[in-house]
Protein backbone atom coordinates (compact mmCIF):
# COMPACT_ATOMS: atom_id res chain seq x y z
CA UNK A 1 14.03 15.74 9.86
CA UNK A 2 10.69 14.36 12.57
CA UNK A 3 8.57 17.08 10.02
CA UNK A 4 9.48 14.99 6.74
CA UNK A 5 8.78 10.84 8.71
CA UNK A 6 5.27 12.12 10.35
CA UNK A 7 3.94 13.57 6.81
CA UNK A 8 6.05 9.92 5.70
CA UNK A 9 3.99 8.40 8.41
CA UNK A 10 0.91 9.98 7.66
CA UNK A 11 1.35 9.22 3.46
CA UNK A 12 1.81 5.72 4.50
CA UNK A 13 -1.26 5.19 6.79
CA UNK A 14 -3.77 7.10 3.51
CA UNK A 15 -1.68 3.96 1.52
CA UNK A 16 -1.86 1.84 3.84
CA UNK A 17 -6.36 2.60 4.93
CA UNK A 18 -7.06 2.75 0.93
CA UNK A 19 -5.37 -0.37 -0.57
CA UNK A 20 -7.86 -3.28 -0.94
CA UNK A 21 -6.52 -6.38 -2.28
CA UNK A 22 -3.31 -6.72 -2.09
CA UNK A 23 0.60 -5.82 -2.12
CA UNK A 24 -0.19 -4.49 -5.90
CA UNK A 25 -2.96 -2.88 -4.97
CA UNK A 26 -0.54 -0.54 -3.35
CA UNK A 27 1.69 0.79 -5.79
CA UNK A 28 -0.44 2.64 -7.73
CA UNK A 29 -1.00 4.58 -4.29
CA UNK A 30 2.50 4.98 -3.39
CA UNK A 31 3.57 6.36 -6.87
CA UNK A 32 0.93 8.94 -6.15
CA UNK A 33 1.88 9.67 -2.66
CA UNK A 34 5.66 9.58 -2.79
CA UNK A 35 5.96 10.79 -7.27
CA UNK A 36 3.37 13.27 -7.83
CA UNK A 37 2.59 14.80 -4.56
CA UNK A 38 6.02 15.11 -2.20
CA UNK A 39 7.35 13.99 -5.48
CA UNK A 40 10.07 12.78 -3.09
CA UNK A 41 11.43 10.60 -5.81
CA UNK A 42 10.88 10.31 -9.84
CA UNK A 43 9.11 8.31 -11.16
CA UNK A 44 12.03 6.25 -12.69
CA UNK A 45 13.40 6.00 -8.93
CA UNK A 46 10.23 4.85 -7.62
CA UNK A 47 10.63 1.97 -10.67
CA UNK A 48 14.34 0.86 -9.87
CA UNK A 49 12.68 0.32 -5.76
CA UNK A 50 9.77 -1.60 -7.00
CA UNK A 51 11.99 -4.03 -9.01
CA UNK A 52 13.91 -4.26 -5.96
CA UNK A 53 10.85 -5.24 -4.16
CA UNK A 54 10.27 -7.80 -5.83
CA UNK A 55 13.49 -9.54 -6.11
CA UNK A 56 13.45 -9.16 -2.20
CA UNK A 57 11.42 -11.86 0.19
CA UNK A 58 8.34 -10.33 1.20
CA UNK A 59 5.05 -8.56 0.49
CA UNK A 60 5.66 -6.53 -2.22
CA UNK A 61 3.28 -3.72 -1.00
CA UNK A 62 5.71 -4.27 2.49
CA UNK A 63 8.86 -3.77 1.01
CA UNK A 64 8.04 -1.52 -1.40
CA UNK A 65 6.94 1.16 1.63
CA UNK A 66 10.06 0.27 3.48
CA UNK A 67 12.48 0.90 0.40
CA UNK A 68 10.51 4.16 0.15
CA UNK A 69 11.30 5.30 3.60
CA UNK A 70 14.32 4.54 3.34
CA UNK A 71 15.53 6.10 0.24
CA UNK A 72 13.25 9.21 1.30
CA UNK A 73 14.47 9.38 5.23
CA UNK A 74 16.41 7.05 6.38
CA UNK A 75 16.20 4.23 8.56
CA UNK A 76 13.32 6.20 10.98
CA UNK A 77 11.34 6.87 7.24
CA UNK A 78 11.32 2.98 6.33
CA UNK A 79 10.47 2.40 10.17
CA UNK A 80 7.47 4.81 9.51
CA UNK A 81 6.52 4.20 5.73
CA UNK A 82 6.64 0.27 6.88
CA UNK A 83 4.35 0.94 10.14
CA UNK A 84 2.32 3.60 8.26
CA UNK A 85 1.63 0.96 4.95
CA UNK A 86 0.83 -2.35 7.97
CA UNK A 87 -0.79 -0.91 10.82
CA UNK A 88 -4.10 -0.17 9.28
CA UNK A 89 -4.30 -3.15 7.84
CA UNK A 90 -4.06 -4.97 11.37
CA UNK A 91 -7.42 -2.98 12.64
CA UNK A 92 -9.16 -3.22 9.39
CA UNK A 93 -8.27 -7.38 9.38
CA UNK A 94 -9.35 -7.43 13.58
CA UNK A 95 -12.38 -5.82 13.05
CA UNK A 96 -13.51 -7.30 9.58
CA UNK A 97 -12.80 -10.64 11.03
CA UNK A 98 -15.15 -9.95 14.43
CA UNK A 99 -17.91 -9.10 11.91
CA UNK A 100 -17.63 -11.72 9.88
CA UNK A 101 -17.29 -14.36 11.67
CA UNK A 102 -20.56 -12.92 13.61
CA UNK A 103 -22.29 -12.45 10.10
CA UNK A 104 -20.46 -15.37 8.09
CA UNK A 105 -23.38 -16.54 7.69
CA UNK A 106 -25.41 -13.56 6.08
CA UNK A 107 -25.94 -13.36 2.03
CA UNK A 108 -24.52 -9.34 3.26
CA UNK A 109 -21.62 -10.19 3.33
CA UNK A 110 -21.83 -12.30 -0.03
CA UNK A 111 -22.74 -9.47 -1.56
CA UNK A 112 -20.15 -6.67 0.05
CA UNK A 113 -17.61 -10.05 -1.06
CA UNK A 114 -18.76 -9.66 -4.46
CA UNK A 115 -19.10 -6.42 -5.19
CA UNK A 116 -15.17 -5.79 -4.12
CA UNK A 117 -13.88 -8.34 -6.57
CA UNK A 118 -14.15 -5.87 -10.05
CA UNK A 119 -12.69 -2.77 -7.71
CA UNK A 120 -9.16 -5.39 -6.99
CA UNK A 121 -8.88 -6.03 -10.47
CA UNK A 122 -9.05 -2.45 -11.38
CA UNK A 123 -6.11 -1.69 -8.95
CA UNK A 124 -4.50 -4.52 -10.31
CA UNK A 125 -5.42 -3.46 -13.55
CA UNK A 126 -3.47 0.13 -12.96
CA UNK A 127 -0.93 -0.83 -11.45
CA UNK A 128 0.12 -3.53 -14.16
CA UNK A 129 -0.48 -0.66 -16.64
CA UNK A 130 1.52 1.67 -14.80
CA UNK A 131 5.01 -0.20 -14.78
CA UNK A 132 4.21 -1.35 -18.59
CA UNK A 133 4.52 2.13 -20.16
CA UNK A 134 7.68 2.72 -18.72
């Protein structure tokens, strides 16, 4: 049981680390981990979780992680998945806030932010296309 929770935590740490662009950007990453790689859920079960996550209050990415962890390993799984999905963001945002406050007047920061926009649009489009196919 604890091995499953550890794998769940590591999977959602990866999702939290690489999901740039908000909650909808996490959907294809969660799908890849829980449906394709680990096969913890079927695609239909995953789609049901996304539907429930959209109906409940709160960010869809965190709700999806919580409901997925709950489905896979109960309450400990929900806690592990939720923590894993939000922890990298908390660390990265804290570091980025410090860097931004120090260098906000430079053109490099402006260029970096401009270059991230297409990636965010692509991730959201991929999530929408995946949901549209079902």
